[in-house]
């Protein structure tokens, strides 16, 4: 189930839910405007979104599943060791209106 994290979906097990990519991208943009490790996380997340959505765009126009797989794997490898990996977590972000 892909959703925007609306409370009505909370009854579903976490493993059955996926957050909408547009909402994730918005969250990463919000973090990228922040400071410190939040900013790093935001930029890394935006990079992943960009690569994934670009790979999907290519797939929808070409139907080339091998190229889609190659691009997704390349993006995953490029982002496998983000710069924020060793920083302590910050305080949880509060929910923003509109998400």
PDB file of N, CA and C in Angstrom:
ATOM      1  N   UNK A   1       0.845  -1.163   0.000  1.00  0.00           N
ATOM      2  CA  UNK A   1       0.000   0.000   0.000  1.00  0.00           C
ATOM      3  C   UNK A   1       0.898   1.236   0.000  1.00  0.00           C
ATOM      4  N   UNK A   2       0.735   2.075  -0.974  1.00  0.00           N
ATOM      5  CA  UNK A   2       1.464   3.338  -1.019  1.00  0.00           C
ATOM      6  C   UNK A   2       0.547   4.427  -0.488  1.00  0.00           C
ATOM      7  N   UNK A   3       1.059   5.218   0.450  1.00  0.00           N
ATOM      8  CA  UNK A   3       0.219   6.252   1.047  1.00  0.00           C
ATOM      9  C   UNK A   3       1.036   7.475   1.411  1.00  0.00           C
ATOM     10  N   UNK A   4       0.335   8.474   1.918  1.00  0.00           N
ATOM     11  CA  UNK A   4       0.957   9.723   2.339  1.00  0.00           C
ATOM     12  C   UNK A   4       1.102   9.788   3.862  1.00  0.00           C
ATOM     13  N   UNK A   5       1.083   8.658   4.530  1.00  0.00           N
ATOM     14  CA  UNK A   5       1.200   8.530   5.983  1.00  0.00           C
ATOM     15  C   UNK A   5      -0.040   9.015   6.735  1.00  0.00           C
ATOM     16  N   UNK A   6      -1.157   9.052   6.075  1.00  0.00           N
ATOM     17  CA  UNK A   6      -2.402   9.431   6.737  1.00  0.00           C
ATOM     18  C   UNK A   6      -2.683   8.422   7.831  1.00  0.00           C
ATOM     19  N   UNK A   7      -3.184   8.862   8.986  1.00  0.00           N
ATOM     20  CA  UNK A   7      -3.393   8.012  10.163  1.00  0.00           C
ATOM     21  C   UNK A   7      -4.298   6.821   9.866  1.00  0.00           C
ATOM     22  N   UNK A   8      -5.179   6.927   8.912  1.00  0.00           N
ATOM     23  CA  UNK A   8      -6.120   5.841   8.613  1.00  0.00           C
ATOM     24  C   UNK A   8      -5.408   4.572   8.139  1.00  0.00           C
ATOM     25  N   UNK A   9      -4.154   4.692   7.697  1.00  0.00           N
ATOM     26  CA  UNK A   9      -3.397   3.517   7.246  1.00  0.00           C
ATOM     27  C   UNK A   9      -2.587   2.882   8.366  1.00  0.00           C
ATOM     28  N   UNK A  10      -2.628   3.442   9.558  1.00  0.00           N
ATOM     29  CA  UNK A  10      -1.828   2.924  10.667  1.00  0.00           C
ATOM     30  C   UNK A  10      -2.196   1.504  11.065  1.00  0.00           C
ATOM     31  N   UNK A  11      -3.372   1.041  10.693  1.00  0.00           N
ATOM     32  CA  UNK A  11      -3.774  -0.324  11.052  1.00  0.00           C
ATOM     33  C   UNK A  11      -3.038  -1.373  10.219  1.00  0.00           C
ATOM     34  N   UNK A  12      -2.431  -0.958   9.102  1.00  0.00           N
ATOM     35  CA  UNK A  12      -1.691  -1.900   8.256  1.00  0.00           C
ATOM     36  C   UNK A  12      -0.298  -2.139   8.829  1.00  0.00           C
ATOM     37  N   UNK A  13       0.193  -3.363   8.714  1.00  0.00           N
ATOM     38  CA  UNK A  13       1.556  -3.631   9.180  1.00  0.00           C
ATOM     39  C   UNK A  13       2.564  -2.776   8.398  1.00  0.00           C
ATOM     40  N   UNK A  14       3.628  -2.351   9.053  1.00  0.00           N
ATOM     41  CA  UNK A  14       4.632  -1.488   8.431  1.00  0.00           C
ATOM     42  C   UNK A  14       5.192  -2.129   7.170  1.00  0.00           C
ATOM     43  N   UNK A  15       5.393  -3.422   7.182  1.00  0.00           N
ATOM     44  CA  UNK A  15       5.978  -4.087   6.011  1.00  0.00           C
ATOM     45  C   UNK A  15       5.047  -4.090   4.807  1.00  0.00           C
ATOM     46  N   UNK A  16       3.784  -3.733   4.996  1.00  0.00           N
ATOM     47  CA  UNK A  16       2.826  -3.673   3.889  1.00  0.00           C
ATOM     48  C   UNK A  16       2.614  -2.251   3.388  1.00  0.00           C
ATOM     49  N   UNK A  17       3.331  -1.274   3.977  1.00  0.00           N
ATOM     50  CA  UNK A  17       3.138   0.131   3.605  1.00  0.00           C
ATOM     51  C   UNK A  17       4.377   0.701   2.941  1.00  0.00           C
ATOM     52  N   UNK A  18       4.141   1.640   2.051  1.00  0.00           N
ATOM     53  CA  UNK A  18       5.231   2.372   1.417  1.00  0.00           C
ATOM     54  C   UNK A  18       4.812   3.827   1.333  1.00  0.00           C
ATOM     55  N   UNK A  19       5.723   4.712   1.670  1.00  0.00           N
ATOM     56  CA  UNK A  19       5.428   6.140   1.612  1.00  0.00           C
ATOM     57  C   UNK A  19       5.552   6.606   0.165  1.00  0.00           C
ATOM     58  N   UNK A  20       4.655   7.447  -0.242  1.00  0.00           N
ATOM     59  CA  UNK A  20       4.647   8.030  -1.584  1.00  0.00           C
ATOM     60  C   UNK A  20       5.977   8.746  -1.843  1.00  0.00           C
ATOM     61  N   UNK A  21       6.582   8.518  -3.021  1.00  0.00           N
ATOM     62  CA  UNK A  21       7.875   9.121  -3.348  1.00  0.00           C
ATOM     63  C   UNK A  21       7.802  10.645  -3.378  1.00  0.00           C
ATOM     64  N   UNK A  22       6.675  11.200  -3.805  1.00  0.00           N
ATOM     65  CA  UNK A  22       6.540  12.664  -3.807  1.00  0.00           C
ATOM     66  C   UNK A  22       6.600  13.216  -2.393  1.00  0.00           C
ATOM     67  N   UNK A  23       5.983  12.510  -1.452  1.00  0.00           N
ATOM     68  CA  UNK A  23       6.017  12.944  -0.058  1.00  0.00           C
ATOM     69  C   UNK A  23       7.424  12.791   0.521  1.00  0.00           C
ATOM     70  N   UNK A  24       8.098  11.708   0.171  1.00  0.00           N
ATOM     71  CA  UNK A  24       9.475  11.528   0.629  1.00  0.00           C
ATOM     72  C   UNK A  24      10.377  12.637   0.091  1.00  0.00           C
ATOM     73  N   UNK A  25      10.211  12.947  -1.205  1.00  0.00           N
ATOM     74  CA  UNK A  25      11.027  13.998  -1.800  1.00  0.00           C
ATOM     75  C   UNK A  25      10.798  15.332  -1.085  1.00  0.00           C
ATOM     76  N   UNK A  26       9.542  15.631  -0.756  1.00  0.00           N
ATOM     77  CA  UNK A  26       9.228  16.857  -0.019  1.00  0.00           C
ATOM     78  C   UNK A  26       9.899  16.869   1.352  1.00  0.00           C
ATOM     79  N   UNK A  27       9.882  15.714   2.024  1.00  0.00           N
ATOM     80  CA  UNK A  27      10.537  15.610   3.334  1.00  0.00           C
ATOM     81  C   UNK A  27      12.039  15.838   3.208  1.00  0.00           C
ATOM     82  N   UNK A  28      12.653  15.248   2.177  1.00  0.00           N
ATOM     83  CA  UNK A  28      14.088  15.432   1.975  1.00  0.00           C
ATOM     84  C   UNK A  28      14.414  16.887   1.636  1.00  0.00           C
ATOM     85  N   UNK A  29      13.548  17.555   0.877  1.00  0.00           N
ATOM     86  CA  UNK A  29      13.764  18.976   0.579  1.00  0.00           C
ATOM     87  C   UNK A  29      13.732  19.791   1.875  1.00  0.00           C
ATOM     88  N   UNK A  30      12.793  19.464   2.751  1.00  0.00           N
ATOM     89  CA  UNK A  30      12.686  20.150   4.038  1.00  0.00           C
ATOM     90  C   UNK A  30      13.960  19.946   4.856  1.00  0.00           C
ATOM     91  N   UNK A  31      14.463  18.701   4.906  1.00  0.00           N
ATOM     92  CA  UNK A  31      15.691  18.409   5.647  1.00  0.00           C
ATOM     93  C   UNK A  31      16.900  19.101   5.028  1.00  0.00           C
ATOM     94  N   UNK A  32      16.961  19.149   3.700  1.00  0.00           N
ATOM     95  CA  UNK A  32      18.102  19.762   3.012  1.00  0.00           C
ATOM     96  C   UNK A  32      18.213  21.247   3.321  1.00  0.00           C
ATOM     97  N   UNK A  33      17.114  21.866   3.709  1.00  0.00           N
ATOM     98  CA  UNK A  33      17.139  23.284   4.072  1.00  0.00           C
ATOM     99  C   UNK A  33      17.581  23.493   5.522  1.00  0.00           C
ATOM    100  N   UNK A  34      17.781  22.389   6.242  1.00  0.00           N
ATOM    101  CA  UNK A  34      18.146  22.473   7.654  1.00  0.00           C
ATOM    102  C   UNK A  34      19.630  22.646   7.868  1.00  0.00           C
ATOM    103  N   UNK A  35      20.101  22.091   8.984  1.00  0.00           N
ATOM    104  CA  UNK A  35      21.507  22.235   9.374  1.00  0.00           C
ATOM    105  C   UNK A  35      22.108  20.879   9.706  1.00  0.00           C
ATOM    106  N   UNK A  36      23.413  20.819   9.664  1.00  0.00           N
ATOM    107  CA  UNK A  36      24.169  19.649  10.114  1.00  0.00           C
ATOM    108  C   UNK A  36      23.781  18.355   9.433  1.00  0.00           C
ATOM    109  N   UNK A  37      23.617  17.303  10.228  1.00  0.00           N
ATOM    110  CA  UNK A  37      23.342  15.982   9.677  1.00  0.00           C
ATOM    111  C   UNK A  37      21.976  15.934   8.994  1.00  0.00           C
ATOM    112  N   UNK A  38      21.024  16.751   9.453  1.00  0.00           N
ATOM    113  CA  UNK A  38      19.727  16.794   8.778  1.00  0.00           C
ATOM    114  C   UNK A  38      19.895  17.257   7.338  1.00  0.00           C
ATOM    115  N   UNK A  39      20.741  18.265   7.147  1.00  0.00           N
ATOM    116  CA  UNK A  39      20.979  18.804   5.807  1.00  0.00           C
ATOM    117  C   UNK A  39      21.643  17.745   4.931  1.00  0.00           C
ATOM    118  N   UNK A  40      22.625  17.030   5.484  1.00  0.00           N
ATOM    119  CA  UNK A  40      23.301  15.965   4.737  1.00  0.00           C
ATOM    120  C   UNK A  40      22.317  14.865   4.351  1.00  0.00           C
ATOM    121  N   UNK A  41      21.480  14.473   5.294  1.00  0.00           N
ATOM    122  CA  UNK A  41      20.480  13.442   5.025  1.00  0.00           C
ATOM    123  C   UNK A  41      19.528  13.904   3.932  1.00  0.00           C
ATOM    124  N   UNK A  42      19.099  15.150   4.006  1.00  0.00           N
ATOM    125  CA  UNK A  42      18.201  15.692   2.996  1.00  0.00           C
ATOM    126  C   UNK A  42      18.799  15.652   1.605  1.00  0.00           C
ATOM    127  N   UNK A  43      20.061  16.075   1.485  1.00  0.00           N
ATOM    128  CA  UNK A  43      20.718  16.057   0.178  1.00  0.00           C
ATOM    129  C   UNK A  43      20.920  14.629  -0.335  1.00  0.00           C
ATOM    130  N   UNK A  44      21.293  13.715   0.552  1.00  0.00           N
ATOM    131  CA  UNK A  44      21.465  12.315   0.142  1.00  0.00           C
ATOM    132  C   UNK A  44      20.129  11.732  -0.315  1.00  0.00           C
ATOM    133  N   UNK A  45      19.065  12.026   0.417  1.00  0.00           N
ATOM    134  CA  UNK A  45      17.737  11.534   0.043  1.00  0.00           C
ATOM    135  C   UNK A  45      17.273  12.098  -1.284  1.00  0.00           C
ATOM    136  N   UNK A  46      17.536  13.377  -1.520  1.00  0.00           N
ATOM    137  CA  UNK A  46      17.166  13.982  -2.803  1.00  0.00           C
ATOM    138  C   UNK A  46      17.932  13.340  -3.950  1.00  0.00           C
ATOM    139  N   UNK A  47      19.183  12.990  -3.698  1.00  0.00           N
ATOM    140  CA  UNK A  47      19.981  12.322  -4.719  1.00  0.00           C
ATOM    141  C   UNK A  47      19.386  10.959  -5.071  1.00  0.00           C
ATOM    142  N   UNK A  48      18.985  10.201  -4.063  1.00  0.00           N
ATOM    143  CA  UNK A  48      18.372   8.894  -4.297  1.00  0.00           C
ATOM    144  C   UNK A  48      17.070   9.059  -5.080  1.00  0.00           C
ATOM    145  N   UNK A  49      16.246  10.021  -4.667  1.00  0.00           N
ATOM    146  CA  UNK A  49      14.979  10.269  -5.366  1.00  0.00           C
ATOM    147  C   UNK A  49      15.225  10.610  -6.835  1.00  0.00           C
ATOM    148  N   UNK A  50      16.190  11.490  -7.074  1.00  0.00           N
ATOM    149  CA  UNK A  50      16.495  11.914  -8.437  1.00  0.00           C
ATOM    150  C   UNK A  50      16.907  10.727  -9.301  1.00  0.00           C
ATOM    151  N   UNK A  51      17.823   9.912  -8.789  1.00  0.00           N
ATOM    152  CA  UNK A  51      18.297   8.752  -9.550  1.00  0.00           C
ATOM    153  C   UNK A  51      17.181   7.743  -9.795  1.00  0.00           C
ATOM    154  N   UNK A  52      16.405   7.452  -8.776  1.00  0.00           N
ATOM    155  CA  UNK A  52      15.339   6.466  -8.917  1.00  0.00           C
ATOM    156  C   UNK A  52      14.272   6.942  -9.890  1.00  0.00           C
ATOM    157  N   UNK A  53      13.829   8.180  -9.737  1.00  0.00           N
ATOM    158  CA  UNK A  53      12.770   8.681 -10.604  1.00  0.00           C
ATOM    159  C   UNK A  53      13.258   8.835 -12.042  1.00  0.00           C
ATOM    160  N   UNK A  54      14.540   9.174 -12.241  1.00  0.00           N
ATOM    161  CA  UNK A  54      15.088   9.251 -13.590  1.00  0.00           C
ATOM    162  C   UNK A  54      15.151   7.854 -14.206  1.00  0.00           C
ATOM    163  N   UNK A  55      15.572   6.857 -13.447  1.00  0.00           N
ATOM    164  CA  UNK A  55      15.614   5.479 -13.959  1.00  0.00           C
ATOM    165  C   UNK A  55      14.214   5.015 -14.338  1.00  0.00           C
ATOM    166  N   UNK A  56      13.232   5.348 -13.525  1.00  0.00           N
ATOM    167  CA  UNK A  56      11.853   4.947 -13.824  1.00  0.00           C
ATOM    168  C   UNK A  56      11.351   5.649 -15.077  1.00  0.00           C
ATOM    169  N   UNK A  57      11.708   6.912 -15.248  1.00  0.00           N
ATOM    170  CA  UNK A  57      11.302   7.661 -16.446  1.00  0.00           C
ATOM    171  C   UNK A  57      11.852   6.984 -17.698  1.00  0.00           C
ATOM    172  N   UNK A  58      13.102   6.579 -17.662  1.00  0.00           N
ATOM    173  CA  UNK A  58      13.707   5.878 -18.799  1.00  0.00           C
ATOM    174  C   UNK A  58      12.954   4.581 -19.070  1.00  0.00           C
ATOM    175  N   UNK A  59      12.652   3.840 -18.011  1.00  0.00           N
ATOM    176  CA  UNK A  59      11.946   2.563 -18.176  1.00  0.00           C
ATOM    177  C   UNK A  59      10.567   2.765 -18.801  1.00  0.00           C
ATOM    178  N   UNK A  60       9.836   3.793 -18.369  1.00  0.00           N
ATOM    179  CA  UNK A  60       8.489   3.990 -18.914  1.00  0.00           C
ATOM    180  C   UNK A  60       8.526   4.325 -20.400  1.00  0.00           C
ATOM    181  N   UNK A  61       9.614   4.935 -20.861  1.00  0.00           N
ATOM    182  CA  UNK A  61       9.708   5.284 -22.284  1.00  0.00           C
ATOM    183  C   UNK A  61      10.334   4.182 -23.127  1.00  0.00           C
ATOM    184  N   UNK A  62      11.198   3.373 -22.540  1.00  0.00           N
ATOM    185  CA  UNK A  62      11.904   2.355 -23.328  1.00  0.00           C
ATOM    186  C   UNK A  62      11.437   0.938 -23.044  1.00  0.00           C
ATOM    187  N   UNK A  63      10.926   0.701 -21.850  1.00  0.00           N
ATOM    188  CA  UNK A  63      10.542  -0.659 -21.462  1.00  0.00           C
ATOM    189  C   UNK A  63      11.743  -1.551 -21.188  1.00  0.00           C
ATOM    190  N   UNK A  64      12.921  -0.977 -21.111  1.00  0.00           N
ATOM    191  CA  UNK A  64      14.160  -1.735 -20.914  1.00  0.00           C
ATOM    192  C   UNK A  64      14.383  -1.999 -19.429  1.00  0.00           C
ATOM    193  N   UNK A  65      13.935  -3.159 -18.972  1.00  0.00           N
ATOM    194  CA  UNK A  65      14.040  -3.519 -17.565  1.00  0.00           C
ATOM    195  C   UNK A  65      15.497  -3.679 -17.128  1.00  0.00           C
ATOM    196  N   UNK A  66      16.355  -4.159 -18.024  1.00  0.00           N
ATOM    197  CA  UNK A  66      17.764  -4.318 -17.663  1.00  0.00           C
ATOM    198  C   UNK A  66      18.423  -2.971 -17.367  1.00  0.00           C
ATOM    199  N   UNK A  67      18.082  -1.960 -18.169  1.00  0.00           N
ATOM    200  CA  UNK A  67      18.648  -0.628 -17.932  1.00  0.00           C
ATOM    201  C   UNK A  67      18.107  -0.040 -16.631  1.00  0.00           C
ATOM    202  N   UNK A  68      16.832  -0.282 -16.343  1.00  0.00           N
ATOM    203  CA  UNK A  68      16.237   0.165 -15.081  1.00  0.00           C
ATOM    204  C   UNK A  68      16.979  -0.473 -13.910  1.00  0.00           C
ATOM    205  N   UNK A  69      17.182  -1.771 -13.966  1.00  0.00           N
ATOM    206  CA  UNK A  69      17.892  -2.492 -12.902  1.00  0.00           C
ATOM    207  C   UNK A  69      19.315  -1.958 -12.753  1.00  0.00           C
ATOM    208  N   UNK A  70      20.004  -1.757 -13.868  1.00  0.00           N
ATOM    209  CA  UNK A  70      21.381  -1.260 -13.826  1.00  0.00           C
ATOM    210  C   UNK A  70      21.442   0.109 -13.153  1.00  0.00           C
ATOM    211  N   UNK A  71      20.540   1.009 -13.522  1.00  0.00           N
ATOM    212  CA  UNK A  71      20.555   2.363 -12.962  1.00  0.00           C
ATOM    213  C   UNK A  71      20.198   2.369 -11.474  1.00  0.00           C
ATOM    214  N   UNK A  72      19.221   1.558 -11.086  1.00  0.00           N
ATOM    215  CA  UNK A  72      18.833   1.507  -9.673  1.00  0.00           C
ATOM    216  C   UNK A  72      19.981   0.944  -8.841  1.00  0.00           C
ATOM    217  N   UNK A  73      20.635  -0.101  -9.335  1.00  0.00           N
ATOM    218  CA  UNK A  73      21.779  -0.664  -8.608  1.00  0.00           C
ATOM    219  C   UNK A  73      22.937   0.327  -8.526  1.00  0.00           C
ATOM    220  N   UNK A  74      23.181   1.038  -9.620  1.00  0.00           N
ATOM    221  CA  UNK A  74      24.260   2.033  -9.613  1.00  0.00           C
ATOM    222  C   UNK A  74      23.960   3.137  -8.604  1.00  0.00           C
ATOM    223  N   UNK A  75      22.712   3.574  -8.552  1.00  0.00           N
ATOM    224  CA  UNK A  75      22.335   4.612  -7.593  1.00  0.00           C
ATOM    225  C   UNK A  75      22.476   4.097  -6.164  1.00  0.00           C
ATOM    226  N   UNK A  76      22.071   2.854  -5.930  1.00  0.00           N
ATOM    227  CA  UNK A  76      22.172   2.272  -4.592  1.00  0.00           C
ATOM    228  C   UNK A  76      23.636   2.160  -4.171  1.00  0.00           C
ATOM    229  N   UNK A  77      24.500   1.755  -5.072  1.00  0.00           N
ATOM    230  CA  UNK A  77      25.925   1.639  -4.754  1.00  0.00           C
ATOM    231  C   UNK A  77      26.546   3.002  -4.506  1.00  0.00           C
ATOM    232  N   UNK A  78      26.148   3.998  -5.268  1.00  0.00           N
ATOM    233  CA  UNK A  78      26.697   5.346  -5.103  1.00  0.00           C
ATOM    234  C   UNK A  78      26.293   5.943  -3.767  1.00  0.00           C
ATOM    235  N   UNK A  79      25.145   5.534  -3.263  1.00  0.00           N
ATOM    236  CA  UNK A  79      24.637   6.093  -2.008  1.00  0.00           C
ATOM    237  C   UNK A  79      24.728   5.109  -0.846  1.00  0.00           C
ATOM    238  N   UNK A  80      25.522   4.045  -1.006  1.00  0.00           N
ATOM    239  CA  UNK A  80      25.565   3.017   0.036  1.00  0.00           C
ATOM    240  C   UNK A  80      26.283   3.468   1.301  1.00  0.00           C
ATOM    241  N   UNK A  81      27.166   4.449   1.200  1.00  0.00           N
ATOM    242  CA  UNK A  81      27.892   4.929   2.372  1.00  0.00           C
ATOM    243  C   UNK A  81      27.741   6.441   2.485  1.00  0.00           C
ATOM    244  N   UNK A  82      26.552   6.879   2.887  1.00  0.00           N
ATOM    245  CA  UNK A  82      26.336   8.319   2.983  1.00  0.00           C
ATOM    246  C   UNK A  82      27.195   8.962   4.059  1.00  0.00           C
ATOM    247  N   UNK A  83      27.454  10.244   3.900  1.00  0.00           N
ATOM    248  CA  UNK A  83      28.329  10.964   4.821  1.00  0.00           C
ATOM    249  C   UNK A  83      27.726  11.106   6.214  1.00  0.00           C
ATOM    250  N   UNK A  84      26.430  10.945   6.353  1.00  0.00           N
ATOM    251  CA  UNK A  84      25.778  11.113   7.646  1.00  0.00           C
ATOM    252  C   UNK A  84      25.695   9.810   8.438  1.00  0.00           C
ATOM    253  N   UNK A  85      26.248   8.720   7.914  1.00  0.00           N
ATOM    254  CA  UNK A  85      26.089   7.403   8.533  1.00  0.00           C
ATOM    255  C   UNK A  85      26.629   7.345   9.960  1.00  0.00           C
ATOM    256  N   UNK A  86      27.686   8.085  10.268  1.00  0.00           N
ATOM    257  CA  UNK A  86      28.303   8.001  11.589  1.00  0.00           C
ATOM    258  C   UNK A  86      27.914   9.147  12.516  1.00  0.00           C
ATOM    259  N   UNK A  87      26.936   9.933  12.122  1.00  0.00           N
ATOM    260  CA  UNK A  87      26.517  11.035  12.978  1.00  0.00           C
ATOM    261  C   UNK A  87      25.361  10.590  13.856  1.00  0.00           C
ATOM    262  N   UNK A  88      25.284  11.095  15.080  1.00  0.00           N
ATOM    263  CA  UNK A  88      24.184  10.690  15.955  1.00  0.00           C
ATOM    264  C   UNK A  88      22.857  11.223  15.424  1.00  0.00           C
ATOM    265  N   UNK A  89      21.769  10.497  15.651  1.00  0.00           N
ATOM    266  CA  UNK A  89      20.475  10.964  15.163  1.00  0.00           C
ATOM    267  C   UNK A  89      20.059  12.244  15.865  1.00  0.00           C
ATOM    268  N   UNK A  90      19.367  13.105  15.131  1.00  0.00           N
ATOM    269  CA  UNK A  90      18.859  14.330  15.727  1.00  0.00           C
ATOM    270  C   UNK A  90      17.490  14.038  16.309  1.00  0.00           C
ATOM    271  N   UNK A  91      16.905  15.028  16.929  1.00  0.00           N
ATOM    272  CA  UNK A  91      15.574  14.835  17.496  1.00  0.00           C
ATOM    273  C   UNK A  91      14.585  14.617  16.371  1.00  0.00           C
ATOM    274  N   UNK A  92      13.566  13.806  16.582  1.00  0.00           N
ATOM    275  CA  UNK A  92      12.601  13.525  15.521  1.00  0.00           C
ATOM    276  C   UNK A  92      11.926  14.792  15.032  1.00  0.00           C
ATOM    277  N   UNK A  93      11.710  14.869  13.734  1.00  0.00           N
ATOM    278  CA  UNK A  93      11.025  16.026  13.158  1.00  0.00           C
ATOM    279  C   UNK A  93       9.539  15.930  13.471  1.00  0.00           C
ATOM    280  N   UNK A  94       8.929  17.053  13.676  1.00  0.00           N
ATOM    281  CA  UNK A  94       7.487  17.057  13.888  1.00  0.00           C
ATOM    282  C   UNK A  94       6.787  17.020  12.555  1.00  0.00           C
ATOM    283  N   UNK A  95       5.570  16.556  12.563  1.00  0.00           N
ATOM    284  CA  UNK A  95       4.784  16.486  11.329  1.00  0.00           C
ATOM    285  C   UNK A  95       4.525  17.885  10.803  1.00  0.00           C
ATOM    286  N   UNK A  96       4.619  18.020   9.503  1.00  0.00           N
ATOM    287  CA  UNK A  96       4.354  19.306   8.886  1.00  0.00           C
ATOM    288  C   UNK A  96       2.977  19.270   8.245  1.00  0.00           C
ATOM    289  N   UNK A  97       2.262  20.373   8.230  1.00  0.00           N
ATOM    290  CA  UNK A  97       0.965  20.401   7.584  1.00  0.00           C
ATOM    291  C   UNK A  97       1.085  20.063   6.108  1.00  0.00           C
ATOM    292  N   UNK A  98       0.099  19.371   5.595  1.00  0.00           N
ATOM    293  CA  UNK A  98       0.068  19.066   4.176  1.00  0.00           C
ATOM    294  C   UNK A  98       0.638  17.716   3.822  1.00  0.00           C
ATOM    295  N   UNK A  99       1.129  16.968   4.795  1.00  0.00           N
ATOM    296  CA  UNK A  99       1.688  15.633   4.498  1.00  0.00           C
ATOM    297  C   UNK A  99       0.858  14.575   5.184  1.00  0.00           C
TER     298      UNK A  99
END
